[in-house]
PDB file of N, CA and C in Angstrom:
ATOM      1  N   VAL A   1     107.107 103.339  88.779  1.00  0.00           N
ATOM      2  CA  VAL A   1     106.061 102.879  89.667  1.00  0.00           C
ATOM      3  C   VAL A   1     104.854 102.457  88.830  1.00  0.00           C
ATOM      4  N   LEU A   2     104.064 101.561  89.361  1.00  0.00           N
ATOM      5  CA  LEU A   2     102.890 101.034  88.672  1.00  0.00           C
ATOM      6  C   LEU A   2     101.625 101.730  89.175  1.00  0.00           C
ATOM      7  N   VAL A   3     100.810 102.211  88.248  1.00  0.00           N
ATOM      8  CA  VAL A   3      99.559 102.892  88.586  1.00  0.00           C
ATOM      9  C   VAL A   3      98.510 101.852  88.993  1.00  0.00           C
ATOM     10  N   MET A   4      97.849 102.103  90.117  1.00  0.00           N
ATOM     11  CA  MET A   4      96.831 101.189  90.633  1.00  0.00           C
ATOM     12  C   MET A   4      95.403 101.683  90.386  1.00  0.00           C
ATOM     13  N   TYR A   5      95.217 103.012  90.256  1.00  0.00           N
ATOM     14  CA  TYR A   5      93.876 103.590  90.146  1.00  0.00           C
ATOM     15  C   TYR A   5      93.853 104.632  89.030  1.00  0.00           C
ATOM     16  N   PRO A   6      92.730 104.797  88.344  1.00  0.00           N
ATOM     17  CA  PRO A   6      92.647 105.795  87.279  1.00  0.00           C
ATOM     18  C   PRO A   6      92.564 107.213  87.840  1.00  0.00           C
ATOM     19  N   TYR A   7      93.130 108.141  87.086  1.00  0.00           N
ATOM     20  CA  TYR A   7      93.032 109.558  87.440  1.00  0.00           C
ATOM     21  C   TYR A   7      92.934 110.363  86.151  1.00  0.00           C
ATOM     22  N   GLU A   8      91.942 111.228  86.078  1.00  0.00           N
ATOM     23  CA  GLU A   8      91.739 112.110  84.932  1.00  0.00           C
ATOM     24  C   GLU A   8      92.332 113.479  85.255  1.00  0.00           C
ATOM     25  N   ALA A   9      93.261 113.930  84.429  1.00  0.00           N
ATOM     26  CA  ALA A   9      93.913 115.219  84.651  1.00  0.00           C
ATOM     27  C   ALA A   9      92.882 116.344  84.662  1.00  0.00           C
ATOM     28  N   ASN A  10      93.052 117.266  85.597  1.00  0.00           N
ATOM     29  CA  ASN A  10      92.188 118.441  85.700  1.00  0.00           C
ATOM     30  C   ASN A  10      92.869 119.708  85.213  1.00  0.00           C
ATOM     31  N   ARG A  11      94.179 119.642  85.043  1.00  0.00           N
ATOM     32  CA  ARG A  11      94.962 120.803  84.606  1.00  0.00           C
ATOM     33  C   ARG A  11      95.961 120.353  83.551  1.00  0.00           C
ATOM     34  N   ALA A  12      96.496 121.304  82.812  1.00  0.00           N
ATOM     35  CA  ALA A  12      97.438 120.990  81.741  1.00  0.00           C
ATOM     36  C   ALA A  12      98.742 120.389  82.255  1.00  0.00           C
ATOM     37  N   ASP A  13      99.085 120.651  83.519  1.00  0.00           N
ATOM     38  CA  ASP A  13     100.351 120.132  84.048  1.00  0.00           C
ATOM     39  C   ASP A  13     100.190 118.806  84.796  1.00  0.00           C
ATOM     40  N   GLU A  14      99.023 118.158  84.646  1.00  0.00           N
ATOM     41  CA  GLU A  14      98.781 116.870  85.285  1.00  0.00           C
ATOM     42  C   GLU A  14      98.748 115.751  84.246  1.00  0.00           C
ATOM     43  N   LEU A  15      98.971 114.515  84.711  1.00  0.00           N
ATOM     44  CA  LEU A  15      98.885 113.339  83.857  1.00  0.00           C
ATOM     45  C   LEU A  15      97.542 112.647  84.039  1.00  0.00           C
ATOM     46  N   THR A  16      96.956 112.205  82.938  1.00  0.00           N
ATOM     47  CA  THR A  16      95.847 111.260  83.000  1.00  0.00           C
ATOM     48  C   THR A  16      96.470 109.878  83.033  1.00  0.00           C
ATOM     49  N   ILE A  17      96.123 109.095  84.045  1.00  0.00           N
ATOM     50  CA  ILE A  17      96.739 107.782  84.217  1.00  0.00           C
ATOM     51  C   ILE A  17      95.657 106.716  84.356  1.00  0.00           C
ATOM     52  N   THR A  18      96.015 105.492  83.970  1.00  0.00           N
ATOM     53  CA  THR A  18      95.106 104.357  84.081  1.00  0.00           C
ATOM     54  C   THR A  18      95.838 103.200  84.742  1.00  0.00           C
ATOM     55  N   PRO A  19      95.105 102.315  85.404  1.00  0.00           N
ATOM     56  CA  PRO A  19      95.748 101.168  86.039  1.00  0.00           C
ATOM     57  C   PRO A  19      96.604 100.391  85.040  1.00  0.00           C
ATOM     58  N   GLY A  20      97.797 100.038  85.467  1.00  0.00           N
ATOM     59  CA  GLY A  20      98.737  99.326  84.611  1.00  0.00           C
ATOM     60  C   GLY A  20      99.784 100.218  83.979  1.00  0.00           C
ATOM     61  N   ASP A  21      99.528 101.533  83.919  1.00  0.00           N
ATOM     62  CA  ASP A  21     100.551 102.457  83.418  1.00  0.00           C
ATOM     63  C   ASP A  21     101.778 102.385  84.317  1.00  0.00           C
ATOM     64  N   VAL A  22     102.932 102.574  83.710  1.00  0.00           N
ATOM     65  CA  VAL A  22     104.177 102.646  84.470  1.00  0.00           C
ATOM     66  C   VAL A  22     104.691 104.073  84.372  1.00  0.00           C
ATOM     67  N   ILE A  23     104.938 104.684  85.520  1.00  0.00           N
ATOM     68  CA  ILE A  23     105.420 106.061  85.583  1.00  0.00           C
ATOM     69  C   ILE A  23     106.833 106.071  86.141  1.00  0.00           C
ATOM     70  N   THR A  24     107.722 106.786  85.461  1.00  0.00           N
ATOM     71  CA  THR A  24     109.043 107.069  86.010  1.00  0.00           C
ATOM     72  C   THR A  24     108.912 108.331  86.845  1.00  0.00           C
ATOM     73  N   VAL A  25     109.181 108.224  88.134  1.00  0.00           N
ATOM     74  CA  VAL A  25     109.071 109.380  89.023  1.00  0.00           C
ATOM     75  C   VAL A  25     110.281 110.280  88.798  1.00  0.00           C
ATOM     76  N   LEU A  26     110.019 111.536  88.440  1.00  0.00           N
ATOM     77  CA  LEU A  26     111.090 112.503  88.200  1.00  0.00           C
ATOM     78  C   LEU A  26     111.462 113.230  89.481  1.00  0.00           C
ATOM     79  N   TYR A  27     110.468 113.605  90.249  1.00  0.00           N
ATOM     80  CA  TYR A  27     110.725 114.147  91.581  1.00  0.00           C
ATOM     81  C   TYR A  27     109.450 114.162  92.405  1.00  0.00           C
ATOM     82  N   GLN A  28     109.654 114.184  93.700  1.00  0.00           N
ATOM     83  CA  GLN A  28     108.561 114.176  94.667  1.00  0.00           C
ATOM     84  C   GLN A  28     108.602 115.507  95.403  1.00  0.00           C
ATOM     85  N   ASP A  29     108.001 116.536  94.790  1.00  0.00           N
ATOM     86  CA  ASP A  29     108.118 117.878  95.354  1.00  0.00           C
ATOM     87  C   ASP A  29     107.214 118.107  96.559  1.00  0.00           C
ATOM     88  N   ASN A  30     106.222 117.251  96.750  1.00  0.00           N
ATOM     89  CA  ASN A  30     105.471 117.270  98.004  1.00  0.00           C
ATOM     90  C   ASN A  30     104.902 115.883  98.256  1.00  0.00           C
ATOM     91  N   GLU A  31     104.273 115.725  99.385  1.00  0.00           N
ATOM     92  CA  GLU A  31     103.800 114.413  99.821  1.00  0.00           C
ATOM     93  C   GLU A  31     102.683 113.846  98.948  1.00  0.00           C
ATOM     94  N   ASN A  32     101.838 114.715  98.397  1.00  0.00           N
ATOM     95  CA  ASN A  32     100.633 114.261  97.703  1.00  0.00           C
ATOM     96  C   ASN A  32     100.716 114.240  96.182  1.00  0.00           C
ATOM     97  N   TRP A  33     101.559 115.071  95.594  1.00  0.00           N
ATOM     98  CA  TRP A  33     101.656 115.182  94.141  1.00  0.00           C
ATOM     99  C   TRP A  33     103.101 114.998  93.703  1.00  0.00           C
ATOM    100  N   TRP A  34     103.320 114.038  92.793  1.00  0.00           N
ATOM    101  CA  TRP A  34     104.659 113.777  92.270  1.00  0.00           C
ATOM    102  C   TRP A  34     104.693 114.106  90.787  1.00  0.00           C
ATOM    103  N   MET A  35     105.875 114.445  90.290  1.00  0.00           N
ATOM    104  CA  MET A  35     106.091 114.680  88.867  1.00  0.00           C
ATOM    105  C   MET A  35     106.612 113.389  88.260  1.00  0.00           C
ATOM    106  N   GLY A  36     106.012 112.980  87.150  1.00  0.00           N
ATOM    107  CA  GLY A  36     106.440 111.739  86.529  1.00  0.00           C
ATOM    108  C   GLY A  36     106.350 111.787  85.023  1.00  0.00           C
ATOM    109  N   GLU A  37     106.868 110.723  84.406  1.00  0.00           N
ATOM    110  CA  GLU A  37     106.860 110.596  82.952  1.00  0.00           C
ATOM    111  C   GLU A  37     106.345 109.216  82.575  1.00  0.00           C
ATOM    112  N   LEU A  38     105.383 109.195  81.658  1.00  0.00           N
ATOM    113  CA  LEU A  38     104.858 107.942  81.133  1.00  0.00           C
ATOM    114  C   LEU A  38     105.762 107.435  80.012  1.00  0.00           C
ATOM    115  N   ALA A  39     105.577 106.186  79.611  1.00  0.00           N
ATOM    116  CA  ALA A  39     106.408 105.571  78.571  1.00  0.00           C
ATOM    117  C   ALA A  39     106.333 106.318  77.241  1.00  0.00           C
ATOM    118  N   ASP A  40     105.213 106.996  76.973  1.00  0.00           N
ATOM    119  CA  ASP A  40     105.073 107.735  75.709  1.00  0.00           C
ATOM    120  C   ASP A  40     105.709 109.125  75.755  1.00  0.00           C
ATOM    121  N   GLY A  41     106.342 109.463  76.891  1.00  0.00           N
ATOM    122  CA  GLY A  41     107.050 110.730  77.003  1.00  0.00           C
ATOM    123  C   GLY A  41     106.267 111.853  77.651  1.00  0.00           C
ATOM    124  N   ARG A  42     104.968 111.652  77.875  1.00  0.00           N
ATOM    125  CA  ARG A  42     104.187 112.702  78.544  1.00  0.00           C
ATOM    126  C   ARG A  42     104.653 112.849  79.981  1.00  0.00           C
ATOM    127  N   GLN A  43     104.763 114.108  80.414  1.00  0.00           N
ATOM    128  CA  GLN A  43     105.176 114.402  81.780  1.00  0.00           C
ATOM    129  C   GLN A  43     104.115 115.244  82.466  1.00  0.00           C
ATOM    130  N   GLY A  44     104.020 115.084  83.776  1.00  0.00           N
ATOM    131  CA  GLY A  44     103.083 115.890  84.542  1.00  0.00           C
ATOM    132  C   GLY A  44     102.973 115.388  85.963  1.00  0.00           C
ATOM    133  N   TYR A  45     102.157 116.100  86.722  1.00  0.00           N
ATOM    134  CA  TYR A  45     101.920 115.726  88.113  1.00  0.00           C
ATOM    135  C   TYR A  45     100.833 114.660  88.185  1.00  0.00           C
ATOM    136  N   PHE A  46     100.940 113.813  89.198  1.00  0.00           N
ATOM    137  CA  PHE A  46      99.925 112.804  89.460  1.00  0.00           C
ATOM    138  C   PHE A  46      99.827 112.607  90.966  1.00  0.00           C
ATOM    139  N   PRO A  47      98.658 112.177  91.457  1.00  0.00           N
ATOM    140  CA  PRO A  47      98.504 111.970  92.898  1.00  0.00           C
ATOM    141  C   PRO A  47      99.290 110.733  93.343  1.00  0.00           C
ATOM    142  N   SER A  48     100.139 110.904  94.323  1.00  0.00           N
ATOM    143  CA  SER A  48     101.027 109.821  94.752  1.00  0.00           C
ATOM    144  C   SER A  48     100.273 108.639  95.351  1.00  0.00           C
ATOM    145  N   ASN A  49      99.069 108.855  95.845  1.00  0.00           N
ATOM    146  CA  ASN A  49      98.323 107.742  96.436  1.00  0.00           C
ATOM    147  C   ASN A  49      97.584 106.897  95.396  1.00  0.00           C
ATOM    148  N   TYR A  50      97.796 107.154  94.109  1.00  0.00           N
ATOM    149  CA  TYR A  50      97.189 106.349  93.048  1.00  0.00           C
ATOM    150  C   TYR A  50      98.132 105.266  92.541  1.00  0.00           C
ATOM    151  N   ILE A  51      99.303 105.162  93.155  1.00  0.00           N
ATOM    152  CA  ILE A  51     100.278 104.147  92.742  1.00  0.00           C
ATOM    153  C   ILE A  51     100.453 103.113  93.829  1.00  0.00           C
TER     154      ILE A  51
END
């Protein structure tokens, strides 16, 4: 999925994302927060409404 809005991680298990990043969604464990992986291999949760 393509990131549309920036998000700064607040916890160690979250991803910092910027517009244009591409995230591979690993799983959608709830409606608001998904687990994903960036191209550089970093994994973490991100807000689903930022894509």
